[in-house]
């Protein structure tokens, strides 16, 4: 049995309360990973072109106020 299959079996055995706690923990964990990836992408300049395009469009009046 793989590690993932083992985890799946353990998750299936959780109570409703334990499953809710796992969901909450996993959402926080997943968001933290996402934030780290965004920070790496920004540091590597991977988002520079998108930011420049957005600023050009805003300067040209092509954006809508929120």
N, C-alpha and C. Protein backbone atom coordinates (compact mmCIF):
# COMPACT_ATOMS: atom_id res chain seq x y z
N UNK A 1 0.85 -1.17 0.00
CA UNK A 1 0.00 0.00 0.00
C UNK A 1 0.90 1.24 0.00
N UNK A 2 0.57 2.20 -0.85
CA UNK A 2 1.36 3.43 -0.92
C UNK A 2 1.05 4.32 0.27
N UNK A 3 1.88 5.33 0.45
CA UNK A 3 1.68 6.28 1.54
C UNK A 3 0.33 6.99 1.40
N UNK A 4 0.00 7.37 0.16
CA UNK A 4 -1.27 8.07 -0.08
C UNK A 4 -2.45 7.15 0.22
N UNK A 5 -2.37 5.92 -0.21
CA UNK A 5 -3.46 4.98 0.08
C UNK A 5 -3.63 4.78 1.58
N UNK A 6 -2.53 4.73 2.30
CA UNK A 6 -2.59 4.60 3.75
C UNK A 6 -3.27 5.81 4.38
N UNK A 7 -2.91 6.99 3.91
CA UNK A 7 -3.52 8.22 4.42
C UNK A 7 -5.01 8.24 4.11
N UNK A 8 -5.38 7.80 2.90
CA UNK A 8 -6.79 7.75 2.53
C UNK A 8 -7.57 6.87 3.48
N UNK A 9 -7.03 5.72 3.81
CA UNK A 9 -7.70 4.79 4.73
C UNK A 9 -7.84 5.42 6.11
N UNK A 10 -6.80 6.11 6.56
CA UNK A 10 -6.86 6.75 7.87
C UNK A 10 -7.90 7.87 7.88
N UNK A 11 -7.99 8.62 6.79
CA UNK A 11 -8.99 9.70 6.69
C UNK A 11 -10.40 9.13 6.74
N UNK A 12 -10.61 8.02 6.05
CA UNK A 12 -11.94 7.40 6.05
C UNK A 12 -12.36 6.96 7.45
N UNK A 13 -11.40 6.72 8.32
CA UNK A 13 -11.70 6.26 9.68
C UNK A 13 -11.92 7.41 10.66
N UNK A 14 -11.77 8.64 10.23
CA UNK A 14 -11.92 9.78 11.12
C UNK A 14 -13.39 10.02 11.47
N UNK A 15 -13.60 10.56 12.66
CA UNK A 15 -14.95 10.99 13.04
C UNK A 15 -15.26 12.30 12.31
N UNK A 16 -16.50 12.72 12.36
CA UNK A 16 -16.89 13.98 11.71
C UNK A 16 -16.10 15.15 12.29
N UNK A 17 -15.90 15.16 13.60
CA UNK A 17 -15.15 16.24 14.24
C UNK A 17 -13.68 16.22 13.81
N UNK A 18 -13.10 15.04 13.77
CA UNK A 18 -11.71 14.91 13.34
C UNK A 18 -11.55 15.32 11.88
N UNK A 19 -12.51 14.96 11.06
CA UNK A 19 -12.46 15.33 9.64
C UNK A 19 -12.55 16.84 9.48
N UNK A 20 -13.37 17.49 10.29
CA UNK A 20 -13.48 18.95 10.24
C UNK A 20 -12.15 19.58 10.64
N UNK A 21 -11.51 19.04 11.66
CA UNK A 21 -10.21 19.55 12.09
C UNK A 21 -9.17 19.36 11.00
N UNK A 22 -9.21 18.21 10.33
CA UNK A 22 -8.27 17.94 9.23
C UNK A 22 -8.49 18.91 8.08
N UNK A 23 -9.74 19.15 7.74
CA UNK A 23 -10.05 20.10 6.66
C UNK A 23 -9.48 21.48 6.98
N UNK A 24 -9.71 21.94 8.20
CA UNK A 24 -9.22 23.26 8.60
C UNK A 24 -7.70 23.31 8.53
N UNK A 25 -7.05 22.28 9.06
CA UNK A 25 -5.58 22.24 9.02
C UNK A 25 -5.09 22.21 7.57
N UNK A 26 -5.71 21.38 6.73
CA UNK A 26 -5.23 21.24 5.35
C UNK A 26 -5.41 22.53 4.56
N UNK A 27 -6.51 23.23 4.77
CA UNK A 27 -6.70 24.50 4.06
C UNK A 27 -5.60 25.49 4.41
N UNK A 28 -5.28 25.60 5.70
CA UNK A 28 -4.20 26.49 6.12
C UNK A 28 -2.86 26.04 5.53
N UNK A 29 -2.60 24.76 5.56
CA UNK A 29 -1.36 24.19 5.03
C UNK A 29 -1.25 24.48 3.52
N UNK A 30 -2.33 24.24 2.80
CA UNK A 30 -2.34 24.44 1.35
C UNK A 30 -2.14 25.91 1.00
N UNK A 31 -2.81 26.82 1.73
CA UNK A 31 -2.65 28.25 1.48
C UNK A 31 -1.22 28.70 1.75
N UNK A 32 -0.59 28.14 2.80
CA UNK A 32 0.80 28.50 3.11
C UNK A 32 1.72 28.08 1.97
N UNK A 33 1.49 26.90 1.41
CA UNK A 33 2.29 26.43 0.27
C UNK A 33 2.09 27.34 -0.94
N UNK A 34 0.84 27.73 -1.17
CA UNK A 34 0.51 28.64 -2.28
C UNK A 34 1.24 29.97 -2.11
N UNK A 35 1.19 30.52 -0.89
CA UNK A 35 1.88 31.78 -0.62
C UNK A 35 3.38 31.66 -0.88
N UNK A 36 3.97 30.56 -0.46
CA UNK A 36 5.40 30.36 -0.69
C UNK A 36 5.72 30.31 -2.18
N UNK A 37 4.85 29.64 -2.95
CA UNK A 37 5.07 29.54 -4.39
C UNK A 37 4.98 30.92 -5.05
N UNK A 38 3.98 31.70 -4.65
CA UNK A 38 3.83 33.05 -5.20
C UNK A 38 5.06 33.88 -4.87
N UNK A 39 5.55 33.78 -3.63
CA UNK A 39 6.73 34.55 -3.23
C UNK A 39 7.95 34.14 -4.07
N UNK A 40 8.10 32.84 -4.33
CA UNK A 40 9.22 32.38 -5.18
C UNK A 40 9.06 32.91 -6.61
N UNK A 41 7.84 32.87 -7.13
CA UNK A 41 7.60 33.34 -8.48
C UNK A 41 7.87 34.84 -8.60
N UNK A 42 7.45 35.61 -7.60
CA UNK A 42 7.70 37.06 -7.60
C UNK A 42 9.20 37.32 -7.56
N UNK A 43 9.90 36.63 -6.66
CA UNK A 43 11.35 36.83 -6.53
C UNK A 43 12.08 36.46 -7.82
N UNK A 44 11.55 35.48 -8.55
CA UNK A 44 12.19 35.04 -9.79
C UNK A 44 11.77 35.90 -10.98
N UNK A 45 10.86 36.86 -10.76
CA UNK A 45 10.43 37.74 -11.84
C UNK A 45 9.40 37.14 -12.77
N UNK A 46 8.81 36.01 -12.37
CA UNK A 46 7.86 35.33 -13.24
C UNK A 46 6.55 36.09 -13.43
N UNK A 47 6.27 37.02 -12.54
CA UNK A 47 5.00 37.76 -12.63
C UNK A 47 5.19 39.18 -13.14
N UNK A 48 6.43 39.55 -13.44
CA UNK A 48 6.72 40.91 -13.88
C UNK A 48 5.94 41.31 -15.12
N UNK A 49 5.88 40.44 -16.10
CA UNK A 49 5.17 40.76 -17.35
C UNK A 49 3.68 40.98 -17.10
N UNK A 50 3.10 40.17 -16.24
CA UNK A 50 1.68 40.33 -15.92
C UNK A 50 1.43 41.65 -15.19
N UNK A 51 2.31 41.98 -14.25
CA UNK A 51 2.16 43.24 -13.51
C UNK A 51 2.30 44.43 -14.45
N UNK A 52 3.27 44.39 -15.33
CA UNK A 52 3.46 45.48 -16.28
C UNK A 52 2.26 45.66 -17.19
N UNK A 53 1.70 44.54 -17.66
CA UNK A 53 0.52 44.60 -18.52
C UNK A 53 -0.67 45.21 -17.76
N UNK A 54 -0.85 44.79 -16.51
CA UNK A 54 -1.95 45.33 -15.70
C UNK A 54 -1.78 46.82 -15.48
N UNK A 55 -0.57 47.26 -15.20
CA UNK A 55 -0.33 48.68 -14.99
C UNK A 55 -0.56 49.49 -16.27
N UNK A 56 -0.15 48.94 -17.41
CA UNK A 56 -0.39 49.62 -18.70
C UNK A 56 -1.89 49.75 -18.96
N UNK A 57 -2.63 48.66 -18.74
CA UNK A 57 -4.08 48.70 -18.98
C UNK A 57 -4.77 49.66 -18.03
N UNK A 58 -4.30 49.71 -16.79
CA UNK A 58 -4.90 50.64 -15.84
C UNK A 58 -4.61 52.09 -16.27
N UNK A 59 -3.38 52.35 -16.66
CA UNK A 59 -3.02 53.69 -17.11
C UNK A 59 -3.80 54.11 -18.35
N UNK A 60 -4.15 53.12 -19.18
CA UNK A 60 -4.92 53.41 -20.40
C UNK A 60 -6.42 53.47 -20.14
N UNK A 61 -6.83 53.35 -18.88
CA UNK A 61 -8.24 53.44 -18.53
C UNK A 61 -9.05 52.20 -18.85
N UNK A 62 -8.38 51.07 -18.99
CA UNK A 62 -9.07 49.84 -19.36
C UNK A 62 -9.50 49.00 -18.15
N UNK A 63 -9.41 49.58 -16.96
CA UNK A 63 -9.79 48.83 -15.76
C UNK A 63 -11.08 49.36 -15.19
N UNK A 64 -11.70 48.60 -14.33
CA UNK A 64 -12.96 48.98 -13.71
C UNK A 64 -12.75 49.05 -12.20
N UNK A 65 -13.22 50.13 -11.56
CA UNK A 65 -13.11 50.21 -10.09
C UNK A 65 -13.89 49.09 -9.43
N UNK A 66 -13.36 48.62 -8.32
CA UNK A 66 -14.06 47.56 -7.58
C UNK A 66 -15.15 48.13 -6.72
